[in-house]
Amino acid sequence: MIEFTGGEWFTISGRGNVYACKMPVDHEGSLLKTEVLIEGHQYTVTGVEMHAVVDRSLFKGRTIGLLVRGPRKDT
């Protein structure tokens, strides 16, 4: 399970909570419907936001936004 830290939370009206951060490791494939740890709490990823570029790979250091299912668990 990938653990994400050092990011920032945002709420997008009509979509939910997004954790903006950098990829901590290289990852093959998609993060959709996967379980991740964000600041020590487990979430299911329902979307991944990135800058609109042709390269959609998830490499270490890439800035992404993780749309997660449900409310934030750290509040």
PDB file of N, CA and C in Angstrom:
ATOM      1  N   MET A   1       0.850  -1.173   0.000  1.00  0.00           N
ATOM      2  CA  MET A   1       0.000   0.000   0.000  1.00  0.00           C
ATOM      3  C   MET A   1       0.898   1.238   0.000  1.00  0.00           C
ATOM      4  N   ILE A   2       0.605   2.186  -0.865  1.00  0.00           N
ATOM      5  CA  ILE A   2       1.410   3.413  -0.963  1.00  0.00           C
ATOM      6  C   ILE A   2       0.961   4.387   0.121  1.00  0.00           C
ATOM      7  N   GLU A   3       1.943   5.013   0.787  1.00  0.00           N
ATOM      8  CA  GLU A   3       1.637   6.020   1.799  1.00  0.00           C
ATOM      9  C   GLU A   3       2.033   7.403   1.299  1.00  0.00           C
ATOM     10  N   PHE A   4       1.092   8.339   1.398  1.00  0.00           N
ATOM     11  CA  PHE A   4       1.292   9.716   0.960  1.00  0.00           C
ATOM     12  C   PHE A   4       1.352  10.622   2.185  1.00  0.00           C
ATOM     13  N   THR A   5       2.344  11.515   2.208  1.00  0.00           N
ATOM     14  CA  THR A   5       2.495  12.478   3.300  1.00  0.00           C
ATOM     15  C   THR A   5       2.955  13.807   2.720  1.00  0.00           C
ATOM     16  N   GLY A   6       2.899  14.842   3.544  1.00  0.00           N
ATOM     17  CA  GLY A   6       3.424  16.142   3.136  1.00  0.00           C
ATOM     18  C   GLY A   6       2.564  16.878   2.140  1.00  0.00           C
ATOM     19  N   GLY A   7       1.300  16.501   2.027  1.00  0.00           N
ATOM     20  CA  GLY A   7       0.408  17.151   1.072  1.00  0.00           C
ATOM     21  C   GLY A   7      -0.550  18.113   1.740  1.00  0.00           C
ATOM     22  N   GLU A   8      -1.565  18.497   0.976  1.00  0.00           N
ATOM     23  CA  GLU A   8      -2.537  19.474   1.437  1.00  0.00           C
ATOM     24  C   GLU A   8      -3.931  19.060   0.974  1.00  0.00           C
ATOM     25  N   TRP A   9      -4.928  19.189   1.850  1.00  0.00           N
ATOM     26  CA  TRP A   9      -6.304  18.827   1.529  1.00  0.00           C
ATOM     27  C   TRP A   9      -7.060  19.989   0.903  1.00  0.00           C
ATOM     28  N   PHE A  10      -7.931  19.670  -0.070  1.00  0.00           N
ATOM     29  CA  PHE A  10      -8.845  20.620  -0.687  1.00  0.00           C
ATOM     30  C   PHE A  10     -10.198  19.950  -0.812  1.00  0.00           C
ATOM     31  N   THR A  11     -11.257  20.735  -0.808  1.00  0.00           N
ATOM     32  CA  THR A  11     -12.587  20.209  -1.071  1.00  0.00           C
ATOM     33  C   THR A  11     -13.061  20.806  -2.385  1.00  0.00           C
ATOM     34  N   ILE A  12     -13.493  19.948  -3.299  1.00  0.00           N
ATOM     35  CA  ILE A  12     -14.025  20.392  -4.580  1.00  0.00           C
ATOM     36  C   ILE A  12     -15.529  20.181  -4.541  1.00  0.00           C
ATOM     37  N   SER A  13     -16.264  21.258  -4.671  1.00  0.00           N
ATOM     38  CA  SER A  13     -17.720  21.203  -4.605  1.00  0.00           C
ATOM     39  C   SER A  13     -18.269  20.207  -5.625  1.00  0.00           C
ATOM     40  N   GLY A  14     -19.107  19.309  -5.157  1.00  0.00           N
ATOM     41  CA  GLY A  14     -19.720  18.318  -6.035  1.00  0.00           C
ATOM     42  C   GLY A  14     -18.864  17.105  -6.314  1.00  0.00           C
ATOM     43  N   ARG A  15     -17.605  17.120  -5.885  1.00  0.00           N
ATOM     44  CA  ARG A  15     -16.710  15.984  -6.131  1.00  0.00           C
ATOM     45  C   ARG A  15     -16.214  15.340  -4.849  1.00  0.00           C
ATOM     46  N   GLY A  16     -15.791  16.159  -3.887  1.00  0.00           N
ATOM     47  CA  GLY A  16     -15.321  15.602  -2.626  1.00  0.00           C
ATOM     48  C   GLY A  16     -13.967  16.124  -2.216  1.00  0.00           C
ATOM     49  N   ASN A  17     -13.255  15.315  -1.435  1.00  0.00           N
ATOM     50  CA  ASN A  17     -11.964  15.689  -0.866  1.00  0.00           C
ATOM     51  C   ASN A  17     -10.816  15.239  -1.760  1.00  0.00           C
ATOM     52  N   VAL A  18      -9.871  16.159  -1.960  1.00  0.00           N
ATOM     53  CA  VAL A  18      -8.687  15.878  -2.773  1.00  0.00           C
ATOM     54  C   VAL A  18      -7.449  16.153  -1.935  1.00  0.00           C
ATOM     55  N   TYR A  19      -6.511  15.214  -1.980  1.00  0.00           N
ATOM     56  CA  TYR A  19      -5.232  15.373  -1.301  1.00  0.00           C
ATOM     57  C   TYR A  19      -4.184  15.666  -2.367  1.00  0.00           C
ATOM     58  N   ALA A  20      -3.663  16.900  -2.380  1.00  0.00           N
ATOM     59  CA  ALA A  20      -2.640  17.309  -3.346  1.00  0.00           C
ATOM     60  C   ALA A  20      -1.267  17.009  -2.757  1.00  0.00           C
ATOM     61  N   CYS A  21      -0.450  16.271  -3.525  1.00  0.00           N
ATOM     62  CA  CYS A  21       0.849  15.833  -3.007  1.00  0.00           C
ATOM     63  C   CYS A  21       1.756  15.429  -4.168  1.00  0.00           C
ATOM     64  N   LYS A  22       2.896  14.905  -3.814  1.00  0.00           N
ATOM     65  CA  LYS A  22       3.821  14.346  -4.800  1.00  0.00           C
ATOM     66  C   LYS A  22       3.842  12.835  -4.647  1.00  0.00           C
ATOM     67  N   MET A  23       3.982  12.130  -5.763  1.00  0.00           N
ATOM     68  CA  MET A  23       4.087  10.671  -5.712  1.00  0.00           C
ATOM     69  C   MET A  23       5.338  10.294  -4.927  1.00  0.00           C
ATOM     70  N   PRO A  24       5.189   9.437  -3.915  1.00  0.00           N
ATOM     71  CA  PRO A  24       6.358   9.042  -3.126  1.00  0.00           C
ATOM     72  C   PRO A  24       7.206   7.961  -3.785  1.00  0.00           C
ATOM     73  N   VAL A  25       6.633   7.229  -4.737  1.00  0.00           N
ATOM     74  CA  VAL A  25       7.322   6.136  -5.434  1.00  0.00           C
ATOM     75  C   VAL A  25       6.824   6.065  -6.867  1.00  0.00           C
ATOM     76  N   ASP A  26       7.568   5.358  -7.721  1.00  0.00           N
ATOM     77  CA  ASP A  26       7.069   5.058  -9.065  1.00  0.00           C
ATOM     78  C   ASP A  26       5.934   4.048  -8.937  1.00  0.00           C
ATOM     79  N   HIS A  27       4.904   4.182  -9.795  1.00  0.00           N
ATOM     80  CA  HIS A  27       3.773   3.257  -9.743  1.00  0.00           C
ATOM     81  C   HIS A  27       3.326   2.926 -11.163  1.00  0.00           C
ATOM     82  N   GLU A  28       3.277   1.645 -11.462  1.00  0.00           N
ATOM     83  CA  GLU A  28       2.800   1.178 -12.764  1.00  0.00           C
ATOM     84  C   GLU A  28       1.280   1.113 -12.744  1.00  0.00           C
ATOM     85  N   GLY A  29       0.636   1.559 -13.788  1.00  0.00           N
ATOM     86  CA  GLY A  29      -0.810   1.444 -13.888  1.00  0.00           C
ATOM     87  C   GLY A  29      -1.543   2.557 -13.174  1.00  0.00           C
ATOM     88  N   SER A  30      -2.790   2.282 -12.836  1.00  0.00           N
ATOM     89  CA  SER A  30      -3.695   3.270 -12.268  1.00  0.00           C
ATOM     90  C   SER A  30      -3.804   3.133 -10.747  1.00  0.00           C
ATOM     91  N   LEU A  31      -4.144   4.227 -10.097  1.00  0.00           N
ATOM     92  CA  LEU A  31      -4.432   4.203  -8.670  1.00  0.00           C
ATOM     93  C   LEU A  31      -5.938   4.120  -8.396  1.00  0.00           C
ATOM     94  N   LEU A  32      -6.757   4.176  -9.450  1.00  0.00           N
ATOM     95  CA  LEU A  32      -8.200   4.131  -9.265  1.00  0.00           C
ATOM     96  C   LEU A  32      -8.635   2.864  -8.542  1.00  0.00           C
ATOM     97  N   LYS A  33      -9.523   3.037  -7.587  1.00  0.00           N
ATOM     98  CA  LYS A  33     -10.089   1.950  -6.798  1.00  0.00           C
ATOM     99  C   LYS A  33      -9.043   1.207  -5.961  1.00  0.00           C
ATOM    100  N   THR A  34      -7.921   1.844  -5.675  1.00  0.00           N
ATOM    101  CA  THR A  34      -6.917   1.211  -4.822  1.00  0.00           C
ATOM    102  C   THR A  34      -6.967   1.835  -3.432  1.00  0.00           C
ATOM    103  N   GLU A  35      -6.500   1.089  -2.460  1.00  0.00           N
ATOM    104  CA  GLU A  35      -6.409   1.576  -1.087  1.00  0.00           C
ATOM    105  C   GLU A  35      -5.030   2.203  -0.897  1.00  0.00           C
ATOM    106  N   VAL A  36      -5.015   3.408  -0.306  1.00  0.00           N
ATOM    107  CA  VAL A  36      -3.764   4.109  -0.022  1.00  0.00           C
ATOM    108  C   VAL A  36      -3.812   4.628   1.410  1.00  0.00           C
ATOM    109  N   LEU A  37      -2.642   4.953   1.941  1.00  0.00           N
ATOM    110  CA  LEU A  37      -2.560   5.617   3.235  1.00  0.00           C
ATOM    111  C   LEU A  37      -2.234   7.079   3.001  1.00  0.00           C
ATOM    112  N   ILE A  38      -3.037   7.962   3.601  1.00  0.00           N
ATOM    113  CA  ILE A  38      -2.787   9.397   3.528  1.00  0.00           C
ATOM    114  C   ILE A  38      -2.651   9.890   4.953  1.00  0.00           C
ATOM    115  N   GLU A  39      -1.444  10.353   5.285  1.00  0.00           N
ATOM    116  CA  GLU A  39      -1.154  10.825   6.641  1.00  0.00           C
ATOM    117  C   GLU A  39      -1.581   9.789   7.682  1.00  0.00           C
ATOM    118  N   GLY A  40      -1.375   8.497   7.371  1.00  0.00           N
ATOM    119  CA  GLY A  40      -1.647   7.425   8.315  1.00  0.00           C
ATOM    120  C   GLY A  40      -3.066   6.878   8.315  1.00  0.00           C
ATOM    121  N   HIS A  41      -3.949   7.421   7.478  1.00  0.00           N
ATOM    122  CA  HIS A  41      -5.339   6.968   7.408  1.00  0.00           C
ATOM    123  C   HIS A  41      -5.599   6.312   6.050  1.00  0.00           C
ATOM    124  N   GLN A  42      -6.373   5.241   6.044  1.00  0.00           N
ATOM    125  CA  GLN A  42      -6.638   4.492   4.816  1.00  0.00           C
ATOM    126  C   GLN A  42      -7.830   5.088   4.060  1.00  0.00           C
ATOM    127  N   TYR A  43      -7.648   5.255   2.733  1.00  0.00           N
ATOM    128  CA  TYR A  43      -8.682   5.786   1.843  1.00  0.00           C
ATOM    129  C   TYR A  43      -8.720   4.964   0.558  1.00  0.00           C
ATOM    130  N   THR A  44      -9.857   5.006  -0.134  1.00  0.00           N
ATOM    131  CA  THR A  44      -9.988   4.427  -1.466  1.00  0.00           C
ATOM    132  C   THR A  44      -9.930   5.571  -2.475  1.00  0.00           C
ATOM    133  N   VAL A  45      -9.059   5.452  -3.472  1.00  0.00           N
ATOM    134  CA  VAL A  45      -8.900   6.479  -4.496  1.00  0.00           C
ATOM    135  C   VAL A  45     -10.019   6.345  -5.533  1.00  0.00           C
ATOM    136  N   THR A  46     -10.732   7.450  -5.784  1.00  0.00           N
ATOM    137  CA  THR A  46     -11.795   7.447  -6.787  1.00  0.00           C
ATOM    138  C   THR A  46     -11.449   8.295  -8.001  1.00  0.00           C
ATOM    139  N   GLY A  47     -10.327   9.004  -7.940  1.00  0.00           N
ATOM    140  CA  GLY A  47      -9.878   9.800  -9.074  1.00  0.00           C
ATOM    141  C   GLY A  47      -8.475  10.323  -8.837  1.00  0.00           C
ATOM    142  N   VAL A  48      -7.757  10.570  -9.928  1.00  0.00           N
ATOM    143  CA  VAL A  48      -6.405  11.123  -9.849  1.00  0.00           C
ATOM    144  C   VAL A  48      -6.348  12.333 -10.768  1.00  0.00           C
ATOM    145  N   GLU A  49      -6.016  13.479 -10.207  1.00  0.00           N
ATOM    146  CA  GLU A  49      -5.903  14.725 -10.970  1.00  0.00           C
ATOM    147  C   GLU A  49      -4.435  15.005 -11.249  1.00  0.00           C
ATOM    148  N   MET A  50      -4.141  15.405 -12.506  1.00  0.00           N
ATOM    149  CA  MET A  50      -2.776  15.771 -12.893  1.00  0.00           C
ATOM    150  C   MET A  50      -2.846  16.905 -13.895  1.00  0.00           C
ATOM    151  N   HIS A  51      -1.732  17.574 -14.103  1.00  0.00           N
ATOM    152  CA  HIS A  51      -1.665  18.572 -15.164  1.00  0.00           C
ATOM    153  C   HIS A  51      -1.946  17.880 -16.493  1.00  0.00           C
ATOM    154  N   ALA A  52      -2.570  18.588 -17.397  1.00  0.00           N
ATOM    155  CA  ALA A  52      -2.934  18.015 -18.695  1.00  0.00           C
ATOM    156  C   ALA A  52      -1.697  17.883 -19.586  1.00  0.00           C
ATOM    157  N   VAL A  53      -1.057  16.736 -19.493  1.00  0.00           N
ATOM    158  CA  VAL A  53       0.103  16.427 -20.323  1.00  0.00           C
ATOM    159  C   VAL A  53      -0.079  15.039 -20.916  1.00  0.00           C
ATOM    160  N   VAL A  54       0.642  14.758 -21.978  1.00  0.00           N
ATOM    161  CA  VAL A  54       0.525  13.463 -22.645  1.00  0.00           C
ATOM    162  C   VAL A  54       1.009  12.324 -21.754  1.00  0.00           C
ATOM    163  N   ASP A  55       2.080  12.543 -20.998  1.00  0.00           N
ATOM    164  CA  ASP A  55       2.646  11.507 -20.133  1.00  0.00           C
ATOM    165  C   ASP A  55       1.793  11.354 -18.880  1.00  0.00           C
ATOM    166  N   ARG A  56       1.065  10.249 -18.763  1.00  0.00           N
ATOM    167  CA  ARG A  56       0.180  10.021 -17.626  1.00  0.00           C
ATOM    168  C   ARG A  56       0.787   9.076 -16.586  1.00  0.00           C
ATOM    169  N   SER A  57       2.078   8.792 -16.709  1.00  0.00           N
ATOM    170  CA  SER A  57       2.711   7.856 -15.774  1.00  0.00           C
ATOM    171  C   SER A  57       2.830   8.480 -14.381  1.00  0.00           C
ATOM    172  N   LEU A  58       2.789   7.616 -13.398  1.00  0.00           N
ATOM    173  CA  LEU A  58       2.876   8.041 -11.996  1.00  0.00           C
ATOM    174  C   LEU A  58       4.284   7.750 -11.486  1.00  0.00           C
ATOM    175  N   PHE A  59       5.166   8.716 -11.664  1.00  0.00           N
ATOM    176  CA  PHE A  59       6.555   8.535 -11.259  1.00  0.00           C
ATOM    177  C   PHE A  59       6.840   9.313  -9.980  1.00  0.00           C
ATOM    178  N   LYS A  60       7.845   8.878  -9.255  1.00  0.00           N
ATOM    179  CA  LYS A  60       8.228   9.515  -7.992  1.00  0.00           C
ATOM    180  C   LYS A  60       8.466  11.005  -8.208  1.00  0.00           C
ATOM    181  N   GLY A  61       7.838  11.832  -7.372  1.00  0.00           N
ATOM    182  CA  GLY A  61       8.015  13.276  -7.446  1.00  0.00           C
ATOM    183  C   GLY A  61       6.967  13.995  -8.266  1.00  0.00           C
ATOM    184  N   ARG A  62       6.139  13.274  -9.012  1.00  0.00           N
ATOM    185  CA  ARG A  62       5.108  13.905  -9.837  1.00  0.00           C
ATOM    186  C   ARG A  62       4.009  14.479  -8.938  1.00  0.00           C
ATOM    187  N   THR A  63       3.573  15.706  -9.218  1.00  0.00           N
ATOM    188  CA  THR A  63       2.511  16.342  -8.463  1.00  0.00           C
ATOM    189  C   THR A  63       1.158  15.805  -8.932  1.00  0.00           C
ATOM    190  N   ILE A  64       0.362  15.326  -7.971  1.00  0.00           N
ATOM    191  CA  ILE A  64      -0.952  14.767  -8.276  1.00  0.00           C
ATOM    192  C   ILE A  64      -1.957  15.211  -7.220  1.00  0.00           C
ATOM    193  N   GLY A  65      -3.227  14.996  -7.520  1.00  0.00           N
ATOM    194  CA  GLY A  65      -4.300  15.189  -6.557  1.00  0.00           C
ATOM    195  C   GLY A  65      -5.084  13.893  -6.474  1.00  0.00           C
ATOM    196  N   LEU A  66      -5.261  13.370  -5.281  1.00  0.00           N
ATOM    197  CA  LEU A  66      -5.996  12.119  -5.087  1.00  0.00           C
ATOM    198  C   LEU A  66      -7.405  12.432  -4.594  1.00  0.00           C
ATOM    199  N   LEU A  67      -8.402  12.146  -5.404  1.00  0.00           N
ATOM    200  CA  LEU A  67      -9.788  12.263  -4.990  1.00  0.00           C
ATOM    201  C   LEU A  67     -10.124  10.994  -4.236  1.00  0.00           C
ATOM    202  N   VAL A  68     -10.620  11.126  -3.012  1.00  0.00           N
ATOM    203  CA  VAL A  68     -10.855   9.954  -2.176  1.00  0.00           C
ATOM    204  C   VAL A  68     -12.333   9.803  -1.825  1.00  0.00           C
ATOM    205  N   ARG A  69     -12.718   8.569  -1.535  1.00  0.00           N
ATOM    206  CA  ARG A  69     -14.085   8.255  -1.152  1.00  0.00           C
ATOM    207  C   ARG A  69     -14.297   8.596   0.319  1.00  0.00           C
ATOM    208  N   GLY A  70     -15.397   9.251   0.605  1.00  0.00           N
ATOM    209  CA  GLY A  70     -15.782   9.517   1.991  1.00  0.00           C
ATOM    210  C   GLY A  70     -15.144  10.755   2.587  1.00  0.00           C
ATOM    211  N   PRO A  71     -15.479  11.013   3.855  1.00  0.00           N
ATOM    212  CA  PRO A  71     -14.959  12.192   4.539  1.00  0.00           C
ATOM    213  C   PRO A  71     -13.498  12.019   4.962  1.00  0.00           C
ATOM    214  N   ARG A  72     -12.860  13.142   5.244  1.00  0.00           N
ATOM    215  CA  ARG A  72     -11.499  13.090   5.783  1.00  0.00           C
ATOM    216  C   ARG A  72     -11.517  12.428   7.139  1.00  0.00           C
ATOM    217  N   LYS A  73     -10.485  11.644   7.422  1.00  0.00           N
ATOM    218  CA  LYS A  73     -10.408  10.925   8.687  1.00  0.00           C
ATOM    219  C   LYS A  73      -9.484  11.585   9.702  1.00  0.00           C
ATOM    220  N   ASP A  74      -8.859  12.686   9.318  1.00  0.00           N
ATOM    221  CA  ASP A  74      -7.893  13.335  10.209  1.00  0.00           C
ATOM    222  C   ASP A  74      -8.491  14.510  10.957  1.00  0.00           C
ATOM    223  N   THR A  75      -9.765  14.774  10.785  1.00  0.00           N
ATOM    224  CA  THR A  75     -10.376  15.943  11.446  1.00  0.00           C
ATOM    225  C   THR A  75     -11.233  15.539  12.614  1.00  0.00           C
TER     226      THR A  75
END
